[in-house]
């Protein structure tokens, strides 16, 4: 095992660069129609009474209506970001499953199937590998994305999300879920040396 800084890396025999399965990313996440999402977001703004009404002041009433519309738009944008992260998380976990198969079929990689790296929470080593390889993610935080996929089997509908979740808690929930999951792999979890692997990302 090689140690570099505060991280340890597994040793891989030989000097070959191993081609891992391509990471297939779905560009369009499964979402409802935008008009329906706007309706649901507007209902959420009304139900949560996020903008106080001023019925005796026409100008204030117009301003309140505009604020409600702005909040609804903001909630939809945050929701679409959540679904995008969830989809990335689902695609990364499927990629990890494909990597498992690849490791099983390569003699040089099969010995790495060790409890400190594999299975379950030790799969976080593959998320770290993607980060080390600086794969393009279009602004998606991989750990948050995987955490959201670990939390939700499918993307939660916008009408079951609270305003607080969409505005403040979605990112912290994903990060907390990922940290809890990766922390179950034992300490330390050995990293995969990025220079020994080739990873390609294909947007579908």
Protein backbone atom coordinates (compact mmCIF):
# COMPACT_ATOMS: atom_id res chain seq x y z
CA UNK A 1 0.00 0.00 0.00
CA UNK A 2 1.38 3.40 -1.02
CA UNK A 3 0.86 6.40 1.25
CA UNK A 4 0.83 9.91 -0.20
CA UNK A 5 0.05 12.77 2.16
CA UNK A 6 -2.87 11.73 4.33
CA UNK A 7 -4.18 9.19 1.84
CA UNK A 8 -3.25 5.59 1.15
CA UNK A 9 -3.42 3.98 -2.29
CA UNK A 10 -3.73 0.33 -3.16
CA UNK A 11 -0.85 -1.24 -5.04
CA UNK A 12 -1.60 -2.63 -8.49
CA UNK A 13 0.83 -5.06 -10.06
CA UNK A 14 2.39 -4.23 -13.41
CA UNK A 15 2.42 -0.87 -15.10
CA UNK A 16 -0.61 -1.12 -17.39
CA UNK A 17 -3.34 1.50 -17.44
CA UNK A 18 -6.68 -0.19 -16.89
CA UNK A 19 -9.66 0.93 -18.95
CA UNK A 20 -12.77 1.11 -16.81
CA UNK A 21 -16.30 0.99 -18.24
CA UNK A 22 -17.56 4.34 -19.53
CA UNK A 23 -19.61 6.44 -17.16
CA UNK A 24 -22.92 6.90 -18.97
CA UNK A 25 -24.66 10.07 -17.84
CA UNK A 26 -28.29 10.79 -18.67
CA UNK A 27 -28.41 14.42 -19.79
CA UNK A 28 -32.15 14.74 -19.23
CA UNK A 29 -33.29 13.71 -15.77
CA UNK A 30 -36.82 12.35 -15.33
CA UNK A 31 -39.02 15.34 -14.39
CA UNK A 32 -42.63 16.35 -14.73
CA UNK A 33 -43.80 19.00 -17.16
CA UNK A 34 -42.46 22.42 -16.25
CA UNK A 35 -45.92 23.98 -16.15
CA UNK A 36 -47.10 21.38 -13.64
CA UNK A 37 -43.97 21.88 -11.56
CA UNK A 38 -44.59 25.63 -11.52
CA UNK A 39 -48.16 25.00 -10.35
CA UNK A 40 -46.91 22.73 -7.57
CA UNK A 41 -44.22 25.21 -6.54
CA UNK A 42 -46.80 28.03 -6.48
CA UNK A 43 -49.04 25.91 -4.26
CA UNK A 44 -46.09 25.27 -1.96
CA UNK A 45 -45.46 29.01 -1.66
CA UNK A 46 -49.14 29.53 -0.78
CA UNK A 47 -49.39 26.62 1.67
CA UNK A 48 -46.24 27.60 3.53
CA UNK A 49 -47.37 31.27 3.52
CA UNK A 50 -43.88 32.33 2.47
CA UNK A 51 -44.97 35.82 1.37
CA UNK A 52 -47.34 37.77 3.64
CA UNK A 53 -50.32 39.27 1.83
CA UNK A 54 -51.30 42.97 1.97
CA UNK A 55 -54.91 43.00 0.75
CA UNK A 56 -55.47 46.69 1.59
CA UNK A 57 -52.59 47.95 -0.53
CA UNK A 58 -52.84 47.28 -4.28
CA UNK A 59 -49.18 48.08 -4.90
CA UNK A 60 -48.09 45.87 -2.03
CA UNK A 61 -50.41 43.15 -3.36
CA UNK A 62 -48.75 43.32 -6.78
CA UNK A 63 -45.33 43.19 -5.16
CA UNK A 64 -46.39 40.18 -3.09
CA UNK A 65 -47.65 38.38 -6.20
CA UNK A 66 -44.34 39.02 -7.95
CA UNK A 67 -42.42 37.76 -4.92
CA UNK A 68 -44.54 34.61 -4.88
CA UNK A 69 -43.81 34.04 -8.56
CA UNK A 70 -40.08 34.59 -8.00
CA UNK A 71 -40.07 32.16 -5.10
CA UNK A 72 -41.93 29.55 -7.15
CA UNK A 73 -39.40 29.90 -9.98
CA UNK A 74 -36.56 29.60 -7.47
CA UNK A 75 -38.08 26.44 -5.97
CA UNK A 76 -38.42 24.87 -9.43
CA UNK A 77 -34.80 25.71 -10.27
CA UNK A 78 -33.62 24.21 -6.99
CA UNK A 79 -35.76 21.13 -7.60
CA UNK A 80 -34.36 20.64 -11.10
CA UNK A 81 -30.86 20.89 -9.61
CA UNK A 82 -31.78 18.24 -7.05
CA UNK A 83 -33.08 15.90 -9.75
CA UNK A 84 -29.96 16.49 -11.84
CA UNK A 85 -27.78 15.56 -8.87
CA UNK A 86 -29.92 12.49 -8.15
CA UNK A 87 -29.60 11.31 -11.76
CA UNK A 88 -25.82 11.71 -11.64
CA UNK A 89 -25.78 9.70 -8.42
CA UNK A 90 -27.83 6.94 -10.01
CA UNK A 91 -25.50 6.87 -13.03
CA UNK A 92 -22.37 6.78 -10.82
CA UNK A 93 -23.71 3.87 -8.75
CA UNK A 94 -24.52 1.95 -11.93
CA UNK A 95 -20.99 2.71 -13.19
CA UNK A 96 -19.55 1.36 -9.93
CA UNK A 97 -21.52 -1.85 -10.47
CA UNK A 98 -19.98 -2.16 -13.94
CA UNK A 99 -16.54 -1.54 -12.44
CA UNK A 100 -17.11 -4.42 -10.01
CA UNK A 101 -17.63 -6.74 -12.94
CA UNK A 102 -14.48 -5.41 -14.63
CA UNK A 103 -12.40 -5.93 -11.49
CA UNK A 104 -13.67 -9.49 -11.16
CA UNK A 105 -12.52 -10.33 -14.69
CA UNK A 106 -9.03 -8.78 -14.54
CA UNK A 107 -6.40 -10.82 -12.65
CA UNK A 108 -4.40 -7.69 -11.76
CA UNK A 109 -7.47 -6.04 -10.23
CA UNK A 110 -9.23 -9.00 -8.65
CA UNK A 111 -6.99 -9.00 -5.53
CA UNK A 112 -8.22 -5.48 -4.77
CA UNK A 113 -11.60 -6.91 -3.77
CA UNK A 114 -10.61 -6.59 -0.15
CA UNK A 115 -12.80 -5.62 2.81
CA UNK A 116 -11.10 -2.24 3.23
CA UNK A 117 -12.00 -1.34 -0.33
CA UNK A 118 -14.96 -3.55 -1.14
CA UNK A 119 -17.93 -3.94 -1.09
CA UNK A 120 -20.71 -1.59 -0.06
CA UNK A 121 -19.40 1.56 1.63
CA UNK A 122 -15.89 0.91 0.32
CA UNK A 123 -17.24 1.76 -3.12
CA UNK A 124 -16.66 5.36 -2.12
CA UNK A 125 -13.15 4.75 -3.49
CA UNK A 126 -14.65 4.91 -6.97
CA UNK A 127 -16.29 8.26 -6.27
CA UNK A 128 -12.91 9.51 -5.07
CA UNK A 129 -11.34 8.15 -8.26
CA UNK A 130 -13.77 10.17 -10.39
CA UNK A 131 -12.90 13.27 -8.37
CA UNK A 132 -9.17 12.59 -8.71
CA UNK A 133 -9.61 12.15 -12.47
CA UNK A 134 -11.45 15.50 -12.57
CA UNK A 135 -14.19 14.10 -14.77
CA UNK A 136 -16.47 16.84 -16.15
CA UNK A 137 -19.69 16.98 -14.12
CA UNK A 138 -21.31 20.23 -15.30
CA UNK A 139 -21.25 21.61 -11.77
CA UNK A 140 -22.59 18.49 -10.07
CA UNK A 141 -21.01 17.63 -6.70
CA UNK A 142 -20.41 13.89 -6.95
CA UNK A 143 -20.56 13.17 -3.24
CA UNK A 144 -23.83 15.07 -2.87
CA UNK A 145 -25.18 13.31 -5.97
CA UNK A 146 -24.37 9.83 -4.69
CA UNK A 147 -25.73 10.76 -1.27
CA UNK A 148 -29.06 11.81 -2.77
CA UNK A 149 -29.28 8.56 -4.74
CA UNK A 150 -28.49 6.58 -1.58
CA UNK A 151 -31.28 8.47 0.20
CA UNK A 152 -33.97 8.29 -2.50
CA UNK A 153 -34.63 5.23 -4.65
CA UNK A 154 -36.24 7.60 -7.15
CA UNK A 155 -36.32 11.41 -7.26
CA UNK A 156 -38.80 12.82 -4.74
CA UNK A 157 -41.70 14.68 -6.32
CA UNK A 158 -41.63 18.44 -5.89
CA UNK A 159 -45.00 18.44 -4.13
CA UNK A 160 -43.69 16.30 -1.25
CA UNK A 161 -40.66 18.55 -0.67
CA UNK A 162 -40.86 21.37 1.83
CA UNK A 163 -39.62 24.83 0.97
CA UNK A 164 -36.91 24.44 3.62
CA UNK A 165 -35.69 21.23 2.02
CA UNK A 166 -35.50 22.75 -1.46
CA UNK A 167 -33.95 26.02 -0.35
CA UNK A 168 -31.53 24.88 2.35
CA UNK A 169 -31.46 21.19 3.20
CA UNK A 170 -31.14 19.21 -0.04
CA UNK A 171 -27.36 19.64 -0.32
CA UNK A 172 -26.70 19.00 3.37
CA UNK A 173 -28.84 15.86 3.30
CA UNK A 174 -26.96 14.46 0.31
CA UNK A 175 -23.57 15.23 1.84
CA UNK A 176 -24.56 13.77 5.22
CA UNK A 177 -25.86 10.59 3.58
CA UNK A 178 -22.65 10.19 1.57
CA UNK A 179 -20.43 10.75 4.61
CA UNK A 180 -22.41 8.23 6.66
CA UNK A 181 -22.20 5.68 3.84
CA UNK A 182 -18.51 6.15 3.08
CA UNK A 183 -17.67 6.11 6.79
CA UNK A 184 -18.98 2.54 7.07
CA UNK A 185 -16.12 1.28 4.91
CA UNK A 186 -13.59 1.30 7.74
CA UNK A 187 -10.65 3.62 8.32
CA UNK A 188 -8.70 4.25 6.28
CA UNK A 189 -10.36 3.37 2.99
CA UNK A 190 -7.64 2.88 0.40
CA UNK A 191 -7.85 5.01 -2.72
CA UNK A 192 -7.41 3.83 -6.29
CA UNK A 193 -4.36 5.42 -7.97
CA UNK A 194 -5.85 7.65 -10.68
CA UNK A 195 -2.84 7.33 -12.98
CA UNK A 196 -3.51 3.60 -13.34
CA UNK A 197 -7.07 3.96 -14.63
CA UNK A 198 -8.72 5.45 -17.69
CA UNK A 199 -12.29 6.74 -17.32
CA UNK A 200 -14.45 8.17 -20.09
CA UNK A 201 -17.72 10.02 -19.57
CA UNK A 202 -20.43 9.77 -22.22
CA UNK A 203 -23.50 12.01 -22.07
CA UNK A 204 -26.54 10.16 -23.31
